[in-house]
């Protein structure tokens, strides 16, 4: 005759194991999720600081020029409640189109509407690199 070797108490999915999984496993998963979220924030901050450093160098060595704003698009990223935007500009320095991704203050946005003329600083060695002249 067939004899049942396992009972409900021997099962992996009994109430004690389920309680242990929820009580110990869930906090561990939340800590791991927080660590990965923190690492992605660090990567974003590192890339942002690298870009700011590059912009600072360009502000010191750049050549002043004017540009016409062709379009402005919000990227969805905010730094201290200031939006990051993608600008497409028509540069008078090189006569070509320049793409700039930068963080702008809210009071600057009306000056960056399409067909507005703005001041930029262009890298003389690479005219496709530019930053907004905020002085």
N, C-alpha and C. Protein backbone atom coordinates (compact mmCIF):
# COMPACT_ATOMS: atom_id res chain seq x y z
N UNK A 1 0.82 -1.17 0.00
CA UNK A 1 0.00 0.00 0.00
C UNK A 1 0.88 1.25 0.00
N UNK A 2 0.39 2.32 -0.62
CA UNK A 2 1.13 3.58 -0.71
C UNK A 2 1.10 4.30 0.62
N UNK A 3 2.27 4.70 1.07
CA UNK A 3 2.36 5.38 2.35
C UNK A 3 2.86 6.81 2.12
N UNK A 4 2.20 7.79 2.66
CA UNK A 4 2.57 9.19 2.51
C UNK A 4 3.72 9.49 3.47
N UNK A 5 4.89 9.82 2.91
CA UNK A 5 6.06 10.09 3.74
C UNK A 5 6.08 11.52 4.27
N UNK A 6 5.46 12.43 3.56
CA UNK A 6 5.53 13.84 3.92
C UNK A 6 4.21 14.32 4.50
N UNK A 7 4.31 15.15 5.46
CA UNK A 7 3.10 15.75 6.02
C UNK A 7 3.14 17.24 5.74
N UNK A 8 2.08 17.91 6.07
CA UNK A 8 2.00 19.36 5.90
C UNK A 8 3.09 20.06 6.71
N UNK A 9 3.41 19.55 7.86
CA UNK A 9 4.41 20.17 8.72
C UNK A 9 5.81 20.11 8.11
N UNK A 10 6.09 19.09 7.28
CA UNK A 10 7.39 18.94 6.66
C UNK A 10 7.53 19.77 5.38
N UNK A 11 6.47 20.34 4.92
CA UNK A 11 6.46 21.10 3.68
C UNK A 11 7.32 22.37 3.82
N UNK A 12 7.90 22.78 2.72
CA UNK A 12 8.71 24.02 2.70
C UNK A 12 7.82 25.23 2.93
N UNK A 13 6.63 25.22 2.41
CA UNK A 13 5.74 26.37 2.50
C UNK A 13 4.81 26.28 3.70
N UNK A 14 5.34 26.06 4.86
CA UNK A 14 4.47 26.10 6.03
C UNK A 14 4.47 27.51 6.61
N UNK A 15 3.67 27.75 7.61
CA UNK A 15 3.49 29.11 8.15
C UNK A 15 4.76 29.65 8.80
N UNK A 16 5.56 28.79 9.43
CA UNK A 16 6.79 29.26 10.06
C UNK A 16 7.78 29.79 9.02
N UNK A 17 7.93 29.05 7.95
CA UNK A 17 8.85 29.49 6.90
C UNK A 17 8.33 30.74 6.19
N UNK A 18 7.03 30.82 5.99
CA UNK A 18 6.45 31.99 5.37
C UNK A 18 6.65 33.23 6.25
N UNK A 19 6.47 33.07 7.56
CA UNK A 19 6.69 34.16 8.49
C UNK A 19 8.16 34.59 8.46
N UNK A 20 9.09 33.65 8.46
CA UNK A 20 10.52 33.96 8.42
C UNK A 20 10.89 34.67 7.11
N UNK A 21 10.30 34.23 6.02
CA UNK A 21 10.57 34.86 4.73
C UNK A 21 10.11 36.32 4.75
N UNK A 22 8.93 36.58 5.26
CA UNK A 22 8.41 37.95 5.31
C UNK A 22 9.18 38.78 6.33
N UNK A 23 9.46 38.21 7.49
CA UNK A 23 10.09 38.96 8.57
C UNK A 23 11.56 39.26 8.29
N UNK A 24 12.29 38.32 7.66
CA UNK A 24 13.71 38.52 7.41
C UNK A 24 14.01 38.83 5.94
N UNK A 25 13.32 38.19 5.04
CA UNK A 25 13.63 38.34 3.62
C UNK A 25 13.23 39.68 3.05
N UNK A 26 12.07 40.18 3.43
CA UNK A 26 11.60 41.45 2.90
C UNK A 26 12.51 42.61 3.28
N UNK A 27 12.93 42.75 4.53
CA UNK A 27 13.87 43.83 4.84
C UNK A 27 15.19 43.72 4.09
N UNK A 28 15.66 42.49 3.89
CA UNK A 28 16.90 42.31 3.14
C UNK A 28 16.71 42.78 1.69
N UNK A 29 15.59 42.44 1.08
CA UNK A 29 15.31 42.89 -0.27
C UNK A 29 15.20 44.42 -0.34
N UNK A 30 14.57 45.03 0.65
CA UNK A 30 14.45 46.48 0.67
C UNK A 30 15.81 47.15 0.83
N UNK A 31 16.68 46.59 1.64
CA UNK A 31 18.03 47.14 1.80
C UNK A 31 18.81 47.02 0.50
N UNK A 32 18.71 45.88 -0.17
CA UNK A 32 19.40 45.71 -1.45
C UNK A 32 18.88 46.67 -2.49
N UNK A 33 17.56 46.86 -2.54
CA UNK A 33 16.97 47.82 -3.48
C UNK A 33 17.48 49.23 -3.18
N UNK A 34 17.54 49.59 -1.91
CA UNK A 34 18.05 50.91 -1.53
C UNK A 34 19.49 51.10 -1.93
N UNK A 35 20.30 50.04 -1.79
CA UNK A 35 21.71 50.13 -2.19
C UNK A 35 21.84 50.35 -3.69
N UNK A 36 21.06 49.62 -4.50
CA UNK A 36 21.13 49.79 -5.94
C UNK A 36 20.63 51.18 -6.35
N UNK A 37 19.60 51.67 -5.68
CA UNK A 37 19.09 53.01 -5.96
C UNK A 37 20.14 54.06 -5.61
N UNK A 38 20.83 53.86 -4.50
CA UNK A 38 21.87 54.77 -4.06
C UNK A 38 23.04 54.76 -5.04
N UNK A 39 23.40 53.60 -5.55
CA UNK A 39 24.49 53.49 -6.53
C UNK A 39 24.12 54.22 -7.81
N UNK A 40 22.88 54.09 -8.27
CA UNK A 40 22.48 54.80 -9.49
C UNK A 40 22.48 56.31 -9.26
N UNK A 41 22.11 56.76 -8.05
CA UNK A 41 22.19 58.19 -7.74
C UNK A 41 23.63 58.66 -7.77
N UNK A 42 24.55 57.85 -7.25
CA UNK A 42 25.97 58.23 -7.27
C UNK A 42 26.49 58.33 -8.70
N UNK A 43 26.08 57.40 -9.56
CA UNK A 43 26.49 57.46 -10.97
C UNK A 43 25.99 58.74 -11.62
N UNK A 44 24.73 59.12 -11.34
CA UNK A 44 24.17 60.35 -11.90
C UNK A 44 24.95 61.56 -11.40
N UNK A 45 25.24 61.61 -10.10
CA UNK A 45 25.96 62.75 -9.53
C UNK A 45 27.39 62.83 -10.07
N UNK A 46 28.03 61.68 -10.28
CA UNK A 46 29.38 61.68 -10.84
C UNK A 46 29.36 62.23 -12.26
N UNK A 47 28.42 61.79 -13.08
CA UNK A 47 28.36 62.29 -14.47
C UNK A 47 28.00 63.77 -14.49
N UNK A 48 27.15 64.20 -13.55
CA UNK A 48 26.78 65.61 -13.49
C UNK A 48 27.98 66.46 -13.08
N UNK A 49 28.77 66.00 -12.10
CA UNK A 49 29.93 66.78 -11.67
C UNK A 49 30.99 66.83 -12.77
N UNK A 50 31.11 65.75 -13.53
CA UNK A 50 32.05 65.72 -14.65
C UNK A 50 31.63 66.73 -15.72
N UNK A 51 30.33 66.78 -16.00
CA UNK A 51 29.81 67.72 -17.00
C UNK A 51 29.96 69.16 -16.52
N UNK A 52 29.71 69.41 -15.23
CA UNK A 52 29.85 70.76 -14.69
C UNK A 52 31.31 71.20 -14.74
N UNK A 53 32.24 70.29 -14.46
CA UNK A 53 33.66 70.60 -14.54
C UNK A 53 34.04 70.97 -15.97
N UNK A 54 33.53 70.22 -16.95
CA UNK A 54 33.80 70.51 -18.36
C UNK A 54 33.22 71.88 -18.74
N UNK A 55 32.01 72.18 -18.26
CA UNK A 55 31.40 73.47 -18.55
C UNK A 55 32.20 74.61 -17.92
N UNK A 56 32.73 74.39 -16.74
CA UNK A 56 33.54 75.41 -16.07
C UNK A 56 34.80 75.71 -16.89
N UNK A 57 35.45 74.66 -17.38
CA UNK A 57 36.63 74.86 -18.23
C UNK A 57 36.27 75.62 -19.50
N UNK A 58 35.13 75.30 -20.07
CA UNK A 58 34.69 75.96 -21.29
C UNK A 58 34.34 77.42 -21.04
N UNK A 59 33.83 77.74 -19.86
CA UNK A 59 33.53 79.14 -19.52
C UNK A 59 34.81 79.97 -19.44
N UNK A 60 35.93 79.33 -19.08
CA UNK A 60 37.19 80.05 -18.99
C UNK A 60 37.88 80.21 -20.34
N UNK A 61 37.74 79.24 -21.22
CA UNK A 61 38.47 79.26 -22.49
C UNK A 61 37.59 79.51 -23.71
N UNK A 62 36.27 79.58 -23.53
CA UNK A 62 35.37 79.68 -24.66
C UNK A 62 35.36 81.05 -25.31
N UNK A 63 34.96 81.06 -26.57
CA UNK A 63 34.84 82.29 -27.35
C UNK A 63 33.38 82.71 -27.36
N UNK A 64 33.13 84.00 -27.08
CA UNK A 64 31.75 84.49 -27.07
C UNK A 64 31.16 84.48 -28.47
N UNK A 65 29.91 84.07 -28.55
CA UNK A 65 29.19 84.05 -29.82
C UNK A 65 27.70 84.19 -29.52
N UNK A 66 26.93 84.43 -30.54
CA UNK A 66 25.48 84.47 -30.39
C UNK A 66 24.89 83.24 -31.07
N UNK A 67 23.70 82.91 -30.63
CA UNK A 67 22.99 81.77 -31.20
C UNK A 67 21.49 82.02 -31.16
N UNK A 68 20.80 81.42 -32.07
CA UNK A 68 19.34 81.48 -32.11
C UNK A 68 18.80 80.14 -31.62
N UNK A 69 17.88 80.19 -30.67
CA UNK A 69 17.29 78.96 -30.13
C UNK A 69 16.33 78.39 -31.16
N UNK A 70 16.57 77.15 -31.54
CA UNK A 70 15.65 76.47 -32.47
C UNK A 70 14.59 75.68 -31.71
N UNK A 71 15.03 75.01 -30.61
CA UNK A 71 14.05 74.27 -29.80
C UNK A 71 14.60 74.08 -28.40
N UNK A 72 13.68 73.87 -27.47
CA UNK A 72 14.02 73.58 -26.08
C UNK A 72 13.12 72.43 -25.63
N UNK A 73 13.73 71.40 -25.05
CA UNK A 73 12.98 70.25 -24.57
C UNK A 73 13.42 69.92 -23.16
N UNK A 74 12.48 69.64 -22.29
CA UNK A 74 12.79 69.27 -20.92
C UNK A 74 13.12 67.78 -20.87
N UNK A 75 14.20 67.43 -20.15
CA UNK A 75 14.61 66.02 -20.08
C UNK A 75 13.87 65.25 -19.01
N UNK A 76 13.28 65.96 -18.04
CA UNK A 76 12.59 65.30 -16.94
C UNK A 76 13.43 65.22 -15.68
N UNK A 77 14.68 65.63 -15.76
CA UNK A 77 15.57 65.64 -14.60
C UNK A 77 15.56 67.02 -13.97
N UNK A 78 15.54 67.05 -12.65
CA UNK A 78 15.59 68.30 -11.91
C UNK A 78 16.75 68.26 -10.94
N UNK A 79 17.46 69.36 -10.80
CA UNK A 79 18.52 69.51 -9.81
C UNK A 79 18.18 70.76 -9.00
N UNK A 80 17.92 70.56 -7.71
CA UNK A 80 17.48 71.66 -6.83
C UNK A 80 16.27 72.40 -7.41
N UNK A 81 15.34 71.63 -7.93
CA UNK A 81 14.09 72.12 -8.52
C UNK A 81 14.31 72.96 -9.78
N UNK A 82 15.48 72.88 -10.38
CA UNK A 82 15.77 73.52 -11.66
C UNK A 82 15.80 72.46 -12.74
N UNK A 83 15.10 72.67 -13.85
CA UNK A 83 15.01 71.62 -14.88
C UNK A 83 16.27 71.52 -15.73
N UNK A 84 16.53 70.30 -16.16
CA UNK A 84 17.57 70.06 -17.15
C UNK A 84 16.88 70.09 -18.51
N UNK A 85 17.47 70.80 -19.47
CA UNK A 85 16.85 70.93 -20.79
C UNK A 85 17.86 70.59 -21.88
N UNK A 86 17.32 70.18 -23.01
CA UNK A 86 18.10 70.01 -24.23
C UNK A 86 17.79 71.19 -25.14
N UNK A 87 18.83 71.93 -25.51
CA UNK A 87 18.67 73.08 -26.40
C UNK A 87 19.27 72.75 -27.76
N UNK A 88 18.56 73.14 -28.80
CA UNK A 88 19.10 73.07 -30.16
C UNK A 88 19.27 74.51 -30.60
N UNK A 89 20.52 74.87 -30.91
CA UNK A 89 20.86 76.26 -31.22
C UNK A 89 21.47 76.36 -32.61
N UNK A 90 21.26 77.50 -33.27
CA UNK A 90 21.92 77.85 -34.51
C UNK A 90 23.03 78.82 -34.16
N UNK A 91 24.27 78.39 -34.24
CA UNK A 91 25.41 79.18 -33.79
C UNK A 91 25.89 80.13 -34.87
N UNK A 92 26.20 81.38 -34.47
CA UNK A 92 26.79 82.33 -35.41
C UNK A 92 28.29 82.08 -35.57
N UNK A 93 28.89 81.41 -34.61
CA UNK A 93 30.34 81.16 -34.65
C UNK A 93 30.70 80.16 -35.73
N UNK A 94 30.01 79.05 -35.73
CA UNK A 94 30.33 78.00 -36.71
C UNK A 94 29.31 77.93 -37.84
N UNK A 95 28.18 78.59 -37.68
CA UNK A 95 27.13 78.52 -38.70
C UNK A 95 26.41 77.18 -38.72
N UNK A 96 26.62 76.38 -37.68
CA UNK A 96 25.99 75.06 -37.65
C UNK A 96 25.09 74.94 -36.43
N UNK A 97 24.44 73.80 -36.37
CA UNK A 97 23.52 73.51 -35.26
C UNK A 97 24.31 72.92 -34.09
N UNK A 98 24.02 73.41 -32.88
CA UNK A 98 24.69 72.94 -31.67
C UNK A 98 23.62 72.40 -30.72
N UNK A 99 23.89 71.25 -30.11
CA UNK A 99 23.02 70.67 -29.09
C UNK A 99 23.67 70.86 -27.73
N UNK A 100 22.92 71.42 -26.79
CA UNK A 100 23.41 71.64 -25.43
C UNK A 100 22.43 71.03 -24.46
N UNK A 101 22.95 70.26 -23.51
CA UNK A 101 22.14 69.76 -22.39
C UNK A 101 22.65 70.47 -21.15
N UNK A 102 21.77 71.22 -20.50
CA UNK A 102 22.19 72.01 -19.36
C UNK A 102 21.05 72.17 -18.36
N UNK A 103 21.42 72.56 -17.15
CA UNK A 103 20.43 72.86 -16.12
C UNK A 103 20.22 74.36 -16.12
N UNK A 104 18.97 74.77 -16.19
CA UNK A 104 18.66 76.20 -16.24
C UNK A 104 17.76 76.56 -15.07
N UNK A 105 17.86 77.80 -14.65
CA UNK A 105 16.96 78.26 -13.60
C UNK A 105 15.60 78.56 -14.22
N UNK A 106 14.59 78.57 -13.40
CA UNK A 106 13.24 78.81 -13.90
C UNK A 106 13.09 80.21 -14.50
N UNK A 107 13.81 81.18 -13.96
CA UNK A 107 13.69 82.55 -14.49
C UNK A 107 14.39 82.70 -15.84
N UNK A 108 15.25 81.74 -16.22
CA UNK A 108 15.95 81.78 -17.49
C UNK A 108 15.12 81.22 -18.65
N UNK A 109 14.12 80.44 -18.33
CA UNK A 109 13.36 79.73 -19.37
C UNK A 109 12.71 80.68 -20.39
N UNK A 110 12.13 81.83 -19.99
CA UNK A 110 11.56 82.71 -21.02
C UNK A 110 12.58 83.23 -22.03
N UNK A 111 13.84 83.34 -21.65
CA UNK A 111 14.88 83.80 -22.58
C UNK A 111 15.32 82.70 -23.53
N UNK A 112 14.90 81.47 -23.30
CA UNK A 112 15.35 80.34 -24.11
C UNK A 112 14.26 79.78 -25.02
N UNK A 113 13.27 80.58 -25.33
CA UNK A 113 12.20 80.13 -26.21
C UNK A 113 12.66 80.15 -27.66
N UNK A 114 12.05 79.35 -28.54
CA UNK A 114 12.46 79.33 -29.95
C UNK A 114 12.43 80.72 -30.57
N UNK A 115 13.40 80.98 -31.42
CA UNK A 115 13.64 82.23 -32.14
C UNK A 115 14.25 83.33 -31.28
N UNK A 116 14.58 83.05 -30.01
CA UNK A 116 15.27 84.03 -29.16
C UNK A 116 16.76 83.97 -29.43
N UNK A 117 17.41 85.14 -29.34
CA UNK A 117 18.85 85.20 -29.52
C UNK A 117 19.51 85.20 -28.15
N UNK A 118 20.52 84.34 -27.98
CA UNK A 118 21.20 84.22 -26.70
C UNK A 118 22.72 84.26 -26.90
N UNK A 119 23.43 84.51 -25.81
CA UNK A 119 24.90 84.50 -25.83
C UNK A 119 25.38 83.12 -25.39
N UNK A 120 26.38 82.61 -26.10
CA UNK A 120 26.98 81.32 -25.75
C UNK A 120 28.50 81.46 -25.75
N UNK A 121 29.16 80.49 -25.14
CA UNK A 121 30.61 80.38 -25.18
C UNK A 121 30.94 79.10 -25.93
N UNK A 122 31.68 79.22 -27.01
CA UNK A 122 31.97 78.10 -27.90
C UNK A 122 33.42 77.67 -27.72
N UNK A 123 33.65 76.38 -27.74
CA UNK A 123 35.00 75.83 -27.70
C UNK A 123 35.66 76.09 -29.05
N UNK A 124 36.76 76.88 -29.08
CA UNK A 124 37.38 77.19 -30.37
C UNK A 124 37.98 75.96 -31.07
N UNK A 125 38.36 74.95 -30.31
CA UNK A 125 38.93 73.74 -30.90
C UNK A 125 37.86 72.80 -31.44
N UNK A 126 36.67 72.85 -30.83
CA UNK A 126 35.55 72.00 -31.26
C UNK A 126 34.28 72.83 -31.23
N UNK A 127 33.93 73.48 -32.33
CA UNK A 127 32.78 74.40 -32.34
C UNK A 127 31.43 73.76 -32.04
N UNK A 128 31.37 72.42 -31.98
CA UNK A 128 30.09 71.79 -31.64
C UNK A 128 29.86 71.75 -30.13
N UNK A 129 30.89 72.13 -29.34
CA UNK A 129 30.75 72.21 -27.88
C UNK A 129 30.53 73.66 -27.49
N UNK A 130 29.50 73.88 -26.67
CA UNK A 130 29.20 75.23 -26.22
C UNK A 130 28.44 75.17 -24.90
N UNK A 131 28.47 76.29 -24.20
CA UNK A 131 27.69 76.46 -22.97
C UNK A 131 27.00 77.81 -23.03
N UNK A 132 25.96 77.95 -22.25
CA UNK A 132 25.26 79.23 -22.17
C UNK A 132 26.13 80.24 -21.42
N UNK A 133 26.16 81.46 -21.91
CA UNK A 133 26.88 82.52 -21.23
C UNK A 133 25.91 83.16 -20.26
N UNK A 134 26.06 82.87 -18.98
CA UNK A 134 25.11 83.34 -17.98
C UNK A 134 25.55 84.65 -17.33
N UNK A 135 26.64 85.24 -17.79
CA UNK A 135 27.10 86.52 -17.20
C UNK A 135 26.32 87.68 -17.75
